[in-house]
Amino acid sequence: MLPKRSDVRMPLLKLLLAQGGRARPKDLYDPLAKQFKLTAQDLAQTCGGGSKWQAYVRGARDEMVEWGLIHPATPQFHGI
């Protein structure tokens, strides 16, 4: 079962910090999926023709950009 998007924010931020404050979104999907112990069935879910999981991660990232926690062009931690 996929976590709520709101539950993805903090693990995403922690993973971003662990990677030196910068990461491409595609480099975050798998490590986060492992943290949430997502199954192949979970990862196969689609939304609008794309991966629902990836949409959740992008949505969590977009929210953090909106709140000023990370920079939009290169996801980089700015502090809380």
N, C-alpha and C. Protein backbone atom coordinates (compact mmCIF):
# COMPACT_ATOMS: atom_id res chain seq x y z
N MET A 1 0.85 -1.18 0.00
CA MET A 1 0.00 0.00 0.00
C MET A 1 0.90 1.25 0.00
N LEU A 2 0.58 2.18 -0.85
CA LEU A 2 1.35 3.41 -0.92
C LEU A 2 1.06 4.27 0.30
N PRO A 3 2.10 4.94 0.82
CA PRO A 3 1.87 5.85 1.93
C PRO A 3 1.16 7.11 1.44
N LYS A 4 0.63 7.86 2.37
CA LYS A 4 0.07 9.16 2.00
C LYS A 4 1.21 10.07 1.58
N ARG A 5 0.92 10.96 0.68
CA ARG A 5 1.96 11.87 0.20
C ARG A 5 2.56 12.66 1.36
N SER A 6 1.73 13.03 2.32
CA SER A 6 2.23 13.79 3.47
C SER A 6 3.24 12.98 4.27
N ASP A 7 3.13 11.65 4.24
CA ASP A 7 4.08 10.80 4.96
C ASP A 7 5.41 10.66 4.23
N VAL A 8 5.45 11.09 2.99
CA VAL A 8 6.67 10.98 2.17
C VAL A 8 7.61 12.16 2.42
N ARG A 9 7.08 13.29 2.87
CA ARG A 9 7.87 14.52 2.98
C ARG A 9 9.13 14.38 3.83
N MET A 10 8.99 13.95 5.08
CA MET A 10 10.14 13.91 5.98
C MET A 10 11.19 12.89 5.52
N PRO A 11 10.79 11.66 5.14
CA PRO A 11 11.80 10.74 4.62
C PRO A 11 12.50 11.28 3.37
N LEU A 12 11.75 11.97 2.52
CA LEU A 12 12.35 12.58 1.33
C LEU A 12 13.37 13.63 1.72
N LEU A 13 13.03 14.47 2.66
CA LEU A 13 13.95 15.51 3.11
C LEU A 13 15.20 14.90 3.75
N LYS A 14 15.01 13.87 4.57
CA LYS A 14 16.16 13.20 5.21
C LYS A 14 17.06 12.54 4.17
N LEU A 15 16.46 11.89 3.18
CA LEU A 15 17.25 11.26 2.13
C LEU A 15 18.01 12.32 1.33
N LEU A 16 17.37 13.41 1.06
CA LEU A 16 18.01 14.51 0.35
C LEU A 16 19.22 15.02 1.14
N LEU A 17 19.05 15.19 2.42
CA LEU A 17 20.16 15.62 3.28
C LEU A 17 21.28 14.59 3.29
N ALA A 18 20.94 13.32 3.36
CA ALA A 18 21.93 12.24 3.37
C ALA A 18 22.74 12.20 2.07
N GLN A 19 22.16 12.72 0.99
CA GLN A 19 22.84 12.74 -0.30
C GLN A 19 23.54 14.08 -0.54
N GLY A 20 23.80 14.80 0.52
CA GLY A 20 24.54 16.05 0.40
C GLY A 20 23.70 17.25 0.05
N GLY A 21 22.39 17.12 0.12
CA GLY A 21 21.51 18.26 -0.14
C GLY A 21 21.07 18.40 -1.58
N ARG A 22 21.57 17.54 -2.45
CA ARG A 22 21.18 17.59 -3.87
C ARG A 22 20.93 16.18 -4.38
N ALA A 23 19.91 16.05 -5.20
CA ALA A 23 19.63 14.76 -5.83
C ALA A 23 18.62 14.97 -6.95
N ARG A 24 18.75 14.15 -7.97
CA ARG A 24 17.74 14.15 -9.03
C ARG A 24 16.56 13.33 -8.53
N PRO A 25 15.34 13.73 -8.85
CA PRO A 25 14.19 12.96 -8.40
C PRO A 25 14.29 11.48 -8.71
N LYS A 26 14.79 11.13 -9.90
CA LYS A 26 14.87 9.71 -10.27
C LYS A 26 15.81 8.94 -9.35
N ASP A 27 16.72 9.63 -8.67
CA ASP A 27 17.63 8.97 -7.73
C ASP A 27 17.02 8.78 -6.35
N LEU A 28 15.83 9.30 -6.15
CA LEU A 28 15.18 9.22 -4.85
C LEU A 28 14.05 8.19 -4.81
N TYR A 29 13.47 7.87 -5.95
CA TYR A 29 12.31 6.98 -5.98
C TYR A 29 12.59 5.62 -5.34
N ASP A 30 13.66 4.94 -5.77
CA ASP A 30 13.94 3.60 -5.27
C ASP A 30 14.33 3.58 -3.80
N PRO A 31 15.26 4.45 -3.36
CA PRO A 31 15.60 4.43 -1.93
C PRO A 31 14.39 4.70 -1.03
N LEU A 32 13.53 5.61 -1.45
CA LEU A 32 12.33 5.89 -0.66
C LEU A 32 11.37 4.70 -0.68
N ALA A 33 11.24 4.06 -1.83
CA ALA A 33 10.37 2.88 -1.93
C ALA A 33 10.85 1.80 -0.97
N LYS A 34 12.17 1.64 -0.87
CA LYS A 34 12.72 0.64 0.06
C LYS A 34 12.43 1.03 1.51
N GLN A 35 12.53 2.31 1.83
CA GLN A 35 12.23 2.76 3.18
C GLN A 35 10.78 2.45 3.56
N PHE A 36 9.89 2.59 2.60
CA PHE A 36 8.47 2.34 2.86
C PHE A 36 8.09 0.86 2.62
N LYS A 37 9.09 0.06 2.24
CA LYS A 37 8.87 -1.37 1.99
C LYS A 37 7.75 -1.60 0.98
N LEU A 38 7.81 -0.83 -0.12
CA LEU A 38 6.79 -0.96 -1.15
C LEU A 38 7.03 -2.23 -1.97
N THR A 39 5.97 -2.86 -2.35
CA THR A 39 6.04 -4.08 -3.15
C THR A 39 6.04 -3.72 -4.64
N ALA A 40 6.32 -4.73 -5.45
CA ALA A 40 6.26 -4.53 -6.90
C ALA A 40 4.85 -4.13 -7.31
N GLN A 41 3.86 -4.68 -6.63
CA GLN A 41 2.47 -4.34 -6.92
C GLN A 41 2.20 -2.87 -6.58
N ASP A 42 2.75 -2.40 -5.45
CA ASP A 42 2.60 -0.98 -5.08
C ASP A 42 3.20 -0.09 -6.16
N LEU A 43 4.40 -0.46 -6.60
CA LEU A 43 5.12 0.37 -7.57
C LEU A 43 4.51 0.31 -8.96
N ALA A 44 3.69 -0.71 -9.21
CA ALA A 44 3.05 -0.85 -10.53
C ALA A 44 1.80 0.01 -10.66
N GLN A 45 1.34 0.61 -9.57
CA GLN A 45 0.14 1.45 -9.63
C GLN A 45 0.41 2.67 -10.51
N THR A 46 -0.58 3.01 -11.32
CA THR A 46 -0.41 4.15 -12.21
C THR A 46 -1.46 5.22 -11.93
N CYS A 47 -1.13 6.40 -12.39
CA CYS A 47 -2.02 7.55 -12.24
C CYS A 47 -1.76 8.45 -13.45
N GLY A 48 -2.75 8.63 -14.27
CA GLY A 48 -2.57 9.48 -15.45
C GLY A 48 -1.53 8.95 -16.42
N GLY A 49 -1.35 7.63 -16.46
CA GLY A 49 -0.40 7.02 -17.38
C GLY A 49 1.02 6.90 -16.84
N GLY A 50 1.27 7.46 -15.67
CA GLY A 50 2.61 7.37 -15.07
C GLY A 50 2.57 6.66 -13.73
N SER A 51 3.71 6.53 -13.14
CA SER A 51 3.84 5.86 -11.85
C SER A 51 3.18 6.70 -10.74
N LYS A 52 2.28 6.08 -10.02
CA LYS A 52 1.62 6.77 -8.92
C LYS A 52 2.64 7.09 -7.83
N TRP A 53 3.57 6.16 -7.56
CA TRP A 53 4.60 6.38 -6.55
C TRP A 53 5.46 7.60 -6.91
N GLN A 54 5.90 7.66 -8.14
CA GLN A 54 6.72 8.78 -8.56
C GLN A 54 5.94 10.08 -8.46
N ALA A 55 4.66 10.05 -8.77
CA ALA A 55 3.82 11.24 -8.63
C ALA A 55 3.74 11.68 -7.17
N TYR A 56 3.65 10.72 -6.24
CA TYR A 56 3.62 11.04 -4.82
C TYR A 56 4.92 11.73 -4.40
N VAL A 57 6.04 11.17 -4.84
CA VAL A 57 7.34 11.75 -4.48
C VAL A 57 7.48 13.15 -5.07
N ARG A 58 7.11 13.31 -6.33
CA ARG A 58 7.17 14.64 -6.95
C ARG A 58 6.24 15.61 -6.24
N GLY A 59 5.06 15.14 -5.85
CA GLY A 59 4.11 16.00 -5.15
C GLY A 59 4.65 16.45 -3.80
N ALA A 60 5.28 15.53 -3.07
CA ALA A 60 5.89 15.88 -1.78
C ALA A 60 7.01 16.90 -2.00
N ARG A 61 7.80 16.68 -3.04
CA ARG A 61 8.88 17.61 -3.37
C ARG A 61 8.32 18.98 -3.72
N ASP A 62 7.28 19.00 -4.54
CA ASP A 62 6.68 20.27 -4.95
C ASP A 62 6.15 21.04 -3.74
N GLU A 63 5.57 20.34 -2.78
CA GLU A 63 5.08 21.00 -1.57
C GLU A 63 6.25 21.63 -0.80
N MET A 64 7.35 20.91 -0.71
CA MET A 64 8.50 21.44 0.03
C MET A 64 9.14 22.62 -0.71
N VAL A 65 9.08 22.61 -2.03
CA VAL A 65 9.54 23.76 -2.81
C VAL A 65 8.65 24.96 -2.49
N GLU A 66 7.34 24.72 -2.50
CA GLU A 66 6.37 25.78 -2.22
C GLU A 66 6.60 26.39 -0.83
N TRP A 67 6.97 25.56 0.12
CA TRP A 67 7.20 26.03 1.49
C TRP A 67 8.59 26.62 1.69
N GLY A 68 9.43 26.58 0.65
CA GLY A 68 10.76 27.15 0.74
C GLY A 68 11.79 26.27 1.41
N LEU A 69 11.50 24.98 1.57
CA LEU A 69 12.45 24.07 2.21
C LEU A 69 13.54 23.58 1.25
N ILE A 70 13.18 23.48 -0.02
CA ILE A 70 14.16 23.07 -1.03
C ILE A 70 14.03 23.98 -2.24
N HIS A 71 15.10 24.07 -2.99
CA HIS A 71 15.16 24.92 -4.17
C HIS A 71 14.52 24.16 -5.34
N PRO A 72 13.73 24.84 -6.17
CA PRO A 72 13.01 24.13 -7.23
C PRO A 72 13.88 23.56 -8.35
N ALA A 73 14.95 24.22 -8.72
CA ALA A 73 15.75 23.76 -9.85
C ALA A 73 16.61 22.56 -9.48
N THR A 74 17.21 22.61 -8.33
CA THR A 74 18.03 21.51 -7.84
C THR A 74 17.62 21.26 -6.41
N PRO A 75 16.89 20.20 -6.15
CA PRO A 75 16.40 19.97 -4.79
C PRO A 75 17.54 20.08 -3.77
N GLN A 76 17.54 21.17 -3.06
CA GLN A 76 18.60 21.44 -2.11
C GLN A 76 17.97 21.94 -0.81
N PHE A 77 18.43 21.42 0.30
CA PHE A 77 17.91 21.75 1.61
C PHE A 77 18.26 23.18 1.98
N HIS A 78 17.28 23.93 2.49
CA HIS A 78 17.50 25.31 2.92
C HIS A 78 17.32 25.49 4.41
N GLY A 79 16.98 24.46 5.12
CA GLY A 79 16.76 24.56 6.57
C GLY A 79 15.28 24.64 6.90
N ILE A 80 15.00 24.37 8.13
CA ILE A 80 13.61 24.36 8.59
C ILE A 80 13.38 25.55 9.48
